[in-house]
Amino acid sequence: MARLMPTSGAIPLVTGFVTAAALSGVAVFAVFQSGCDEPGSYRSRDGAVELIGGCLKPDDLPVNPRQPADTRPLGSGDPALER
């Protein structure tokens, strides 16, 4: 007959708690070491949410430039448009 031991289910439980605590500690450490004095805040203006303040600069965000719309009509003499 198998004997139930209280430690048989405790090891995975303790391992889970230790892992969660370690990951939480790393997250808190990363936040404190980020070097940002002003975290910023989100505000709604004209139906859009904006980040006011904070450590982000416009150069930090990747922006895909919009392609200019070609307003020339077909048959304008441009061989690229005739294809």
PDB file of N, CA and C in Angstrom:
ATOM      1  N   MET A   1       0.836  -1.163   0.000  1.00  0.00           N
ATOM      2  CA  MET A   1       0.000   0.000   0.000  1.00  0.00           C
ATOM      3  C   MET A   1       0.889   1.237   0.000  1.00  0.00           C
ATOM      4  N   ALA A   2       0.534   2.192  -0.832  1.00  0.00           N
ATOM      5  CA  ALA A   2       1.319   3.422  -0.940  1.00  0.00           C
ATOM      6  C   ALA A   2       1.016   4.323   0.242  1.00  0.00           C
ATOM      7  N   ARG A   3       2.064   4.868   0.766  1.00  0.00           N
ATOM      8  CA  ARG A   3       1.900   5.785   1.892  1.00  0.00           C
ATOM      9  C   ARG A   3       1.932   7.214   1.373  1.00  0.00           C
ATOM     10  N   LEU A   4       1.017   8.008   1.824  1.00  0.00           N
ATOM     11  CA  LEU A   4       1.000   9.416   1.447  1.00  0.00           C
ATOM     12  C   LEU A   4       1.976  10.174   2.327  1.00  0.00           C
ATOM     13  N   MET A   5       2.860  10.884   1.659  1.00  0.00           N
ATOM     14  CA  MET A   5       3.851  11.656   2.406  1.00  0.00           C
ATOM     15  C   MET A   5       3.557  13.137   2.167  1.00  0.00           C
ATOM     16  N   PRO A   6       3.586  13.938   3.193  1.00  0.00           N
ATOM     17  CA  PRO A   6       3.282  15.356   3.022  1.00  0.00           C
ATOM     18  C   PRO A   6       4.302  16.082   2.144  1.00  0.00           C
ATOM     19  N   THR A   7       5.510  15.556   2.014  1.00  0.00           N
ATOM     20  CA  THR A   7       6.524  16.233   1.212  1.00  0.00           C
ATOM     21  C   THR A   7       6.395  15.912  -0.262  1.00  0.00           C
ATOM     22  N   SER A   8       5.604  14.946  -0.635  1.00  0.00           N
ATOM     23  CA  SER A   8       5.526  14.568  -2.044  1.00  0.00           C
ATOM     24  C   SER A   8       4.900  15.679  -2.893  1.00  0.00           C
ATOM     25  N   GLY A   9       3.967  16.400  -2.378  1.00  0.00           N
ATOM     26  CA  GLY A   9       3.366  17.498  -3.118  1.00  0.00           C
ATOM     27  C   GLY A   9       3.924  18.849  -2.737  1.00  0.00           C
ATOM     28  N   ALA A  10       4.746  18.902  -1.723  1.00  0.00           N
ATOM     29  CA  ALA A  10       5.267  20.170  -1.239  1.00  0.00           C
ATOM     30  C   ALA A  10       6.440  20.676  -2.076  1.00  0.00           C
ATOM     31  N   ILE A  11       7.216  19.777  -2.643  1.00  0.00           N
ATOM     32  CA  ILE A  11       8.404  20.196  -3.393  1.00  0.00           C
ATOM     33  C   ILE A  11       8.014  21.013  -4.636  1.00  0.00           C
ATOM     34  N   PRO A  12       7.064  20.556  -5.468  1.00  0.00           N
ATOM     35  CA  PRO A  12       6.680  21.407  -6.604  1.00  0.00           C
ATOM     36  C   PRO A  12       6.053  22.739  -6.171  1.00  0.00           C
ATOM     37  N   LEU A  13       5.330  22.718  -5.087  1.00  0.00           N
ATOM     38  CA  LEU A  13       4.712  23.938  -4.585  1.00  0.00           C
ATOM     39  C   LEU A  13       5.769  24.938  -4.133  1.00  0.00           C
ATOM     40  N   VAL A  14       6.735  24.471  -3.382  1.00  0.00           N
ATOM     41  CA  VAL A  14       7.810  25.344  -2.906  1.00  0.00           C
ATOM     42  C   VAL A  14       8.639  25.840  -4.089  1.00  0.00           C
ATOM     43  N   THR A  15       8.889  24.970  -5.057  1.00  0.00           N
ATOM     44  CA  THR A  15       9.645  25.373  -6.236  1.00  0.00           C
ATOM     45  C   THR A  15       8.911  26.474  -7.001  1.00  0.00           C
ATOM     46  N   GLY A  16       7.602  26.353  -7.116  1.00  0.00           N
ATOM     47  CA  GLY A  16       6.815  27.382  -7.781  1.00  0.00           C
ATOM     48  C   GLY A  16       6.872  28.716  -7.056  1.00  0.00           C
ATOM     49  N   PHE A  17       6.764  28.677  -5.737  1.00  0.00           N
ATOM     50  CA  PHE A  17       6.848  29.916  -4.959  1.00  0.00           C
ATOM     51  C   PHE A  17       8.225  30.565  -5.062  1.00  0.00           C
ATOM     52  N   VAL A  18       9.273  29.763  -5.017  1.00  0.00           N
ATOM     53  CA  VAL A  18      10.634  30.301  -5.111  1.00  0.00           C
ATOM     54  C   VAL A  18      10.858  30.920  -6.490  1.00  0.00           C
ATOM     55  N   THR A  19      10.382  30.251  -7.532  1.00  0.00           N
ATOM     56  CA  THR A  19      10.530  30.788  -8.879  1.00  0.00           C
ATOM     57  C   THR A  19       9.756  32.097  -9.037  1.00  0.00           C
ATOM     58  N   ALA A  20       8.538  32.140  -8.530  1.00  0.00           N
ATOM     59  CA  ALA A  20       7.732  33.363  -8.615  1.00  0.00           C
ATOM     60  C   ALA A  20       8.392  34.506  -7.849  1.00  0.00           C
ATOM     61  N   ALA A  21       8.929  34.210  -6.692  1.00  0.00           N
ATOM     62  CA  ALA A  21       9.593  35.243  -5.900  1.00  0.00           C
ATOM     63  C   ALA A  21      10.850  35.750  -6.607  1.00  0.00           C
ATOM     64  N   ALA A  22      11.609  34.849  -7.226  1.00  0.00           N
ATOM     65  CA  ALA A  22      12.823  35.257  -7.927  1.00  0.00           C
ATOM     66  C   ALA A  22      12.477  36.134  -9.132  1.00  0.00           C
ATOM     67  N   LEU A  23      11.472  35.748  -9.904  1.00  0.00           N
ATOM     68  CA  LEU A  23      11.086  36.552 -11.063  1.00  0.00           C
ATOM     69  C   LEU A  23      10.524  37.909 -10.640  1.00  0.00           C
ATOM     70  N   SER A  24       9.791  37.946  -9.544  1.00  0.00           N
ATOM     71  CA  SER A  24       9.281  39.224  -9.043  1.00  0.00           C
ATOM     72  C   SER A  24      10.422  40.126  -8.594  1.00  0.00           C
ATOM     73  N   GLY A  25      11.404  39.543  -7.939  1.00  0.00           N
ATOM     74  CA  GLY A  25      12.568  40.316  -7.513  1.00  0.00           C
ATOM     75  C   GLY A  25      13.338  40.888  -8.689  1.00  0.00           C
ATOM     76  N   VAL A  26      13.493  40.103  -9.757  1.00  0.00           N
ATOM     77  CA  VAL A  26      14.185  40.587 -10.949  1.00  0.00           C
ATOM     78  C   VAL A  26      13.389  41.719 -11.593  1.00  0.00           C
ATOM     79  N   ALA A  27      12.071  41.608 -11.615  1.00  0.00           N
ATOM     80  CA  ALA A  27      11.242  42.663 -12.206  1.00  0.00           C
ATOM     81  C   ALA A  27      11.357  43.965 -11.414  1.00  0.00           C
ATOM     82  N   VAL A  28      11.320  43.876 -10.103  1.00  0.00           N
ATOM     83  CA  VAL A  28      11.449  45.079  -9.262  1.00  0.00           C
ATOM     84  C   VAL A  28      12.829  45.695  -9.438  1.00  0.00           C
ATOM     85  N   PHE A  29      13.853  44.868  -9.499  1.00  0.00           N
ATOM     86  CA  PHE A  29      15.214  45.365  -9.712  1.00  0.00           C
ATOM     87  C   PHE A  29      15.325  46.085 -11.053  1.00  0.00           C
ATOM     88  N   ALA A  30      14.731  45.534 -12.101  1.00  0.00           N
ATOM     89  CA  ALA A  30      14.786  46.145 -13.426  1.00  0.00           C
ATOM     90  C   ALA A  30      14.086  47.501 -13.432  1.00  0.00           C
ATOM     91  N   VAL A  31      12.977  47.605 -12.730  1.00  0.00           N
ATOM     92  CA  VAL A  31      12.258  48.879 -12.670  1.00  0.00           C
ATOM     93  C   VAL A  31      13.081  49.925 -11.926  1.00  0.00           C
ATOM     94  N   PHE A  32      13.702  49.545 -10.835  1.00  0.00           N
ATOM     95  CA  PHE A  32      14.499  50.511 -10.081  1.00  0.00           C
ATOM     96  C   PHE A  32      15.759  50.926 -10.832  1.00  0.00           C
ATOM     97  N   GLN A  33      16.289  50.074 -11.680  1.00  0.00           N
ATOM     98  CA  GLN A  33      17.503  50.382 -12.420  1.00  0.00           C
ATOM     99  C   GLN A  33      17.233  51.023 -13.776  1.00  0.00           C
ATOM    100  N   SER A  34      15.984  51.307 -14.099  1.00  0.00           N
ATOM    101  CA  SER A  34      15.655  51.849 -15.416  1.00  0.00           C
ATOM    102  C   SER A  34      16.176  53.265 -15.616  1.00  0.00           C
ATOM    103  N   GLY A  35      16.402  53.996 -14.551  1.00  0.00           N
ATOM    104  CA  GLY A  35      16.964  55.334 -14.663  1.00  0.00           C
ATOM    105  C   GLY A  35      15.970  56.394 -15.088  1.00  0.00           C
ATOM    106  N   CYS A  36      14.721  56.153 -14.909  1.00  0.00           N
ATOM    107  CA  CYS A  36      13.699  57.116 -15.305  1.00  0.00           C
ATOM    108  C   CYS A  36      13.192  57.833 -14.051  1.00  0.00           C
ATOM    109  N   ASP A  37      13.396  59.159 -14.015  1.00  0.00           N
ATOM    110  CA  ASP A  37      12.958  59.917 -12.844  1.00  0.00           C
ATOM    111  C   ASP A  37      11.473  60.225 -12.881  1.00  0.00           C
ATOM    112  N   GLU A  38      10.928  60.440 -14.071  1.00  0.00           N
ATOM    113  CA  GLU A  38       9.507  60.769 -14.203  1.00  0.00           C
ATOM    114  C   GLU A  38       8.828  59.674 -15.024  1.00  0.00           C
ATOM    115  N   PRO A  39       7.959  58.896 -14.424  1.00  0.00           N
ATOM    116  CA  PRO A  39       7.362  57.784 -15.166  1.00  0.00           C
ATOM    117  C   PRO A  39       6.361  58.207 -16.232  1.00  0.00           C
ATOM    118  N   GLY A  40       5.803  59.400 -16.146  1.00  0.00           N
ATOM    119  CA  GLY A  40       4.817  59.853 -17.118  1.00  0.00           C
ATOM    120  C   GLY A  40       3.422  59.376 -16.766  1.00  0.00           C
ATOM    121  N   SER A  41       2.464  59.833 -17.538  1.00  0.00           N
ATOM    122  CA  SER A  41       1.072  59.428 -17.311  1.00  0.00           C
ATOM    123  C   SER A  41       0.329  59.445 -18.635  1.00  0.00           C
ATOM    124  N   TYR A  42      -0.741  58.678 -18.691  1.00  0.00           N
ATOM    125  CA  TYR A  42      -1.578  58.617 -19.891  1.00  0.00           C
ATOM    126  C   TYR A  42      -2.784  59.518 -19.698  1.00  0.00           C
ATOM    127  N   ARG A  43      -3.064  60.333 -20.723  1.00  0.00           N
ATOM    128  CA  ARG A  43      -4.223  61.227 -20.671  1.00  0.00           C
ATOM    129  C   ARG A  43      -4.975  61.138 -21.988  1.00  0.00           C
ATOM    130  N   SER A  44      -6.267  61.255 -21.893  1.00  0.00           N
ATOM    131  CA  SER A  44      -7.108  61.216 -23.089  1.00  0.00           C
ATOM    132  C   SER A  44      -7.348  62.633 -23.582  1.00  0.00           C
ATOM    133  N   ARG A  45      -7.125  62.846 -24.894  1.00  0.00           N
ATOM    134  CA  ARG A  45      -7.336  64.157 -25.491  1.00  0.00           C
ATOM    135  C   ARG A  45      -7.812  63.963 -26.923  1.00  0.00           C
ATOM    136  N   ASP A  46      -8.939  64.528 -27.232  1.00  0.00           N
ATOM    137  CA  ASP A  46      -9.536  64.461 -28.578  1.00  0.00           C
ATOM    138  C   ASP A  46      -9.745  63.020 -29.041  1.00  0.00           C
ATOM    139  N   GLY A  47     -10.147  62.169 -28.144  1.00  0.00           N
ATOM    140  CA  GLY A  47     -10.432  60.783 -28.499  1.00  0.00           C
ATOM    141  C   GLY A  47      -9.204  59.902 -28.645  1.00  0.00           C
ATOM    142  N   ALA A  48      -8.024  60.402 -28.321  1.00  0.00           N
ATOM    143  CA  ALA A  48      -6.792  59.616 -28.404  1.00  0.00           C
ATOM    144  C   ALA A  48      -6.102  59.636 -27.047  1.00  0.00           C
ATOM    145  N   VAL A  49      -5.447  58.549 -26.712  1.00  0.00           N
ATOM    146  CA  VAL A  49      -4.711  58.455 -25.457  1.00  0.00           C
ATOM    147  C   VAL A  49      -3.261  58.818 -25.734  1.00  0.00           C
ATOM    148  N   GLU A  50      -2.730  59.755 -24.953  1.00  0.00           N
ATOM    149  CA  GLU A  50      -1.362  60.224 -25.136  1.00  0.00           C
ATOM    150  C   GLU A  50      -0.548  59.970 -23.878  1.00  0.00           C
ATOM    151  N   LEU A  51       0.727  59.678 -24.071  1.00  0.00           N
ATOM    152  CA  LEU A  51       1.664  59.563 -22.957  1.00  0.00           C
ATOM    153  C   LEU A  51       2.281  60.928 -22.741  1.00  0.00           C
ATOM    154  N   ILE A  52       2.060  61.501 -21.556  1.00  0.00           N
ATOM    155  CA  ILE A  52       2.593  62.812 -21.205  1.00  0.00           C
ATOM    156  C   ILE A  52       3.755  62.599 -20.245  1.00  0.00           C
ATOM    157  N   GLY A  53       4.911  63.136 -20.596  1.00  0.00           N
ATOM    158  CA  GLY A  53       6.093  62.966 -19.763  1.00  0.00           C
ATOM    159  C   GLY A  53       6.723  61.601 -20.003  1.00  0.00           C
ATOM    160  N   GLY A  54       7.482  61.138 -19.041  1.00  0.00           N
ATOM    161  CA  GLY A  54       8.109  59.835 -19.150  1.00  0.00           C
ATOM    162  C   GLY A  54       9.485  59.910 -19.777  1.00  0.00           C
ATOM    163  N   CYS A  55      10.074  58.759 -19.964  1.00  0.00           N
ATOM    164  CA  CYS A  55      11.438  58.682 -20.470  1.00  0.00           C
ATOM    165  C   CYS A  55      11.513  58.355 -21.956  1.00  0.00           C
ATOM    166  N   LEU A  56      10.378  58.175 -22.607  1.00  0.00           N
ATOM    167  CA  LEU A  56      10.404  57.882 -24.035  1.00  0.00           C
ATOM    168  C   LEU A  56      10.619  59.150 -24.829  1.00  0.00           C
ATOM    169  N   LYS A  57      11.417  59.029 -25.866  1.00  0.00           N
ATOM    170  CA  LYS A  57      11.626  60.124 -26.801  1.00  0.00           C
ATOM    171  C   LYS A  57      11.017  59.694 -28.133  1.00  0.00           C
ATOM    172  N   PRO A  58      10.637  60.622 -28.968  1.00  0.00           N
ATOM    173  CA  PRO A  58      10.068  60.230 -30.268  1.00  0.00           C
ATOM    174  C   PRO A  58      10.991  59.324 -31.078  1.00  0.00           C
ATOM    175  N   ASP A  59      12.311  59.469 -30.910  1.00  0.00           N
ATOM    176  CA  ASP A  59      13.254  58.630 -31.656  1.00  0.00           C
ATOM    177  C   ASP A  59      13.277  57.191 -31.157  1.00  0.00           C
ATOM    178  N   ASP A  60      12.748  56.929 -29.962  1.00  0.00           N
ATOM    179  CA  ASP A  60      12.738  55.573 -29.412  1.00  0.00           C
ATOM    180  C   ASP A  60      11.684  54.686 -30.057  1.00  0.00           C
ATOM    181  N   LEU A  61      10.683  55.286 -30.665  1.00  0.00           N
ATOM    182  CA  LEU A  61       9.569  54.519 -31.224  1.00  0.00           C
ATOM    183  C   LEU A  61       9.742  54.358 -32.722  1.00  0.00           C
ATOM    184  N   PRO A  62       9.617  53.125 -33.212  1.00  0.00           N
ATOM    185  CA  PRO A  62       9.719  52.940 -34.665  1.00  0.00           C
ATOM    186  C   PRO A  62       8.463  53.458 -35.355  1.00  0.00           C
ATOM    187  N   VAL A  63       8.661  54.198 -36.406  1.00  0.00           N
ATOM    188  CA  VAL A  63       7.543  54.757 -37.157  1.00  0.00           C
ATOM    189  C   VAL A  63       7.727  54.358 -38.619  1.00  0.00           C
ATOM    190  N   ASN A  64       6.697  53.786 -39.190  1.00  0.00           N
ATOM    191  CA  ASN A  64       6.725  53.475 -40.608  1.00  0.00           C
ATOM    192  C   ASN A  64       6.198  54.675 -41.371  1.00  0.00           C
ATOM    193  N   PRO A  65       7.020  55.289 -42.200  1.00  0.00           N
ATOM    194  CA  PRO A  65       6.526  56.461 -42.932  1.00  0.00           C
ATOM    195  C   PRO A  65       5.456  56.045 -43.933  1.00  0.00           C
ATOM    196  N   ARG A  66       4.471  56.883 -44.064  1.00  0.00           N
ATOM    197  CA  ARG A  66       3.403  56.617 -45.028  1.00  0.00           C
ATOM    198  C   ARG A  66       3.911  56.926 -46.427  1.00  0.00           C
ATOM    199  N   GLN A  67       3.543  56.067 -47.336  1.00  0.00           N
ATOM    200  CA  GLN A  67       3.907  56.289 -48.728  1.00  0.00           C
ATOM    201  C   GLN A  67       3.030  57.406 -49.298  1.00  0.00           C
ATOM    202  N   PRO A  68       3.607  58.331 -50.036  1.00  0.00           N
ATOM    203  CA  PRO A  68       2.779  59.395 -50.609  1.00  0.00           C
ATOM    204  C   PRO A  68       1.832  58.802 -51.650  1.00  0.00           C
ATOM    205  N   ALA A  69       0.635  59.281 -51.619  1.00  0.00           N
ATOM    206  CA  ALA A  69      -0.364  58.806 -52.575  1.00  0.00           C
ATOM    207  C   ALA A  69      -0.036  59.358 -53.947  1.00  0.00           C
ATOM    208  N   ASP A  70      -0.043  58.472 -54.935  1.00  0.00           N
ATOM    209  CA  ASP A  70       0.240  58.894 -56.301  1.00  0.00           C
ATOM    210  C   ASP A  70      -1.062  59.413 -56.904  1.00  0.00           C
ATOM    211  N   THR A  71      -1.110  60.688 -57.159  1.00  0.00           N
ATOM    212  CA  THR A  71      -2.355  61.300 -57.629  1.00  0.00           C
ATOM    213  C   THR A  71      -2.409  61.451 -59.137  1.00  0.00           C
ATOM    214  N   ARG A  72      -1.370  60.982 -59.825  1.00  0.00           N
ATOM    215  CA  ARG A  72      -1.374  61.100 -61.280  1.00  0.00           C
ATOM    216  C   ARG A  72      -2.343  60.088 -61.875  1.00  0.00           C
ATOM    217  N   PRO A  73      -3.157  60.496 -62.821  1.00  0.00           N
ATOM    218  CA  PRO A  73      -4.084  59.552 -63.452  1.00  0.00           C
ATOM    219  C   PRO A  73      -3.353  58.619 -64.408  1.00  0.00           C
ATOM    220  N   LEU A  74      -3.944  57.460 -64.666  1.00  0.00           N
ATOM    221  CA  LEU A  74      -3.370  56.532 -65.632  1.00  0.00           C
ATOM    222  C   LEU A  74      -3.372  57.190 -67.002  1.00  0.00           C
ATOM    223  N   GLY A  75      -2.364  56.844 -67.788  1.00  0.00           N
ATOM    224  CA  GLY A  75      -2.255  57.436 -69.105  1.00  0.00           C
ATOM    225  C   GLY A  75      -1.572  58.780 -69.075  1.00  0.00           C
ATOM    226  N   SER A  76      -0.827  59.045 -68.008  1.00  0.00           N
ATOM    227  CA  SER A  76      -0.166  60.339 -67.875  1.00  0.00           C
ATOM    228  C   SER A  76       1.167  60.373 -68.607  1.00  0.00           C
ATOM    229  N   GLY A  77       1.518  59.274 -69.270  1.00  0.00           N
ATOM    230  CA  GLY A  77       2.788  59.241 -69.991  1.00  0.00           C
ATOM    231  C   GLY A  77       3.889  58.579 -69.186  1.00  0.00           C
ATOM    232  N   ASP A  78       3.643  58.235 -67.957  1.00  0.00           N
ATOM    233  CA  ASP A  78       4.642  57.572 -67.126  1.00  0.00           C
ATOM    234  C   ASP A  78       4.617  56.082 -67.430  1.00  0.00           C
ATOM    235  N   PRO A  79       5.732  55.499 -67.951  1.00  0.00           N
ATOM    236  CA  PRO A  79       5.715  54.080 -68.291  1.00  0.00           C
ATOM    237  C   PRO A  79       5.472  53.171 -67.096  1.00  0.00           C
ATOM    238  N   ALA A  80       5.847  53.585 -65.885  1.00  0.00           N
ATOM    239  CA  ALA A  80       5.618  52.745 -64.704  1.00  0.00           C
ATOM    240  C   ALA A  80       4.125  52.606 -64.419  1.00  0.00           C
ATOM    241  N   LEU A  81       3.346  53.622 -64.739  1.00  0.00           N
ATOM    242  CA  LEU A  81       1.912  53.558 -64.488  1.00  0.00           C
ATOM    243  C   LEU A  81       1.156  52.859 -65.607  1.00  0.00           C
ATOM    244  N   GLU A  82       1.764  52.743 -66.772  1.00  0.00           N
ATOM    245  CA  GLU A  82       1.103  52.149 -67.921  1.00  0.00           C
ATOM    246  C   GLU A  82       1.073  50.632 -67.846  1.00  0.00           C
ATOM    247  N   ARG A  83       1.880  50.001 -66.996  1.00  0.00           N
ATOM    248  CA  ARG A  83       1.992  48.540 -66.916  1.00  0.00           C
ATOM    249  C   ARG A  83       0.800  47.913 -66.319  1.00  0.00           C
TER     250      ARG A  83
END
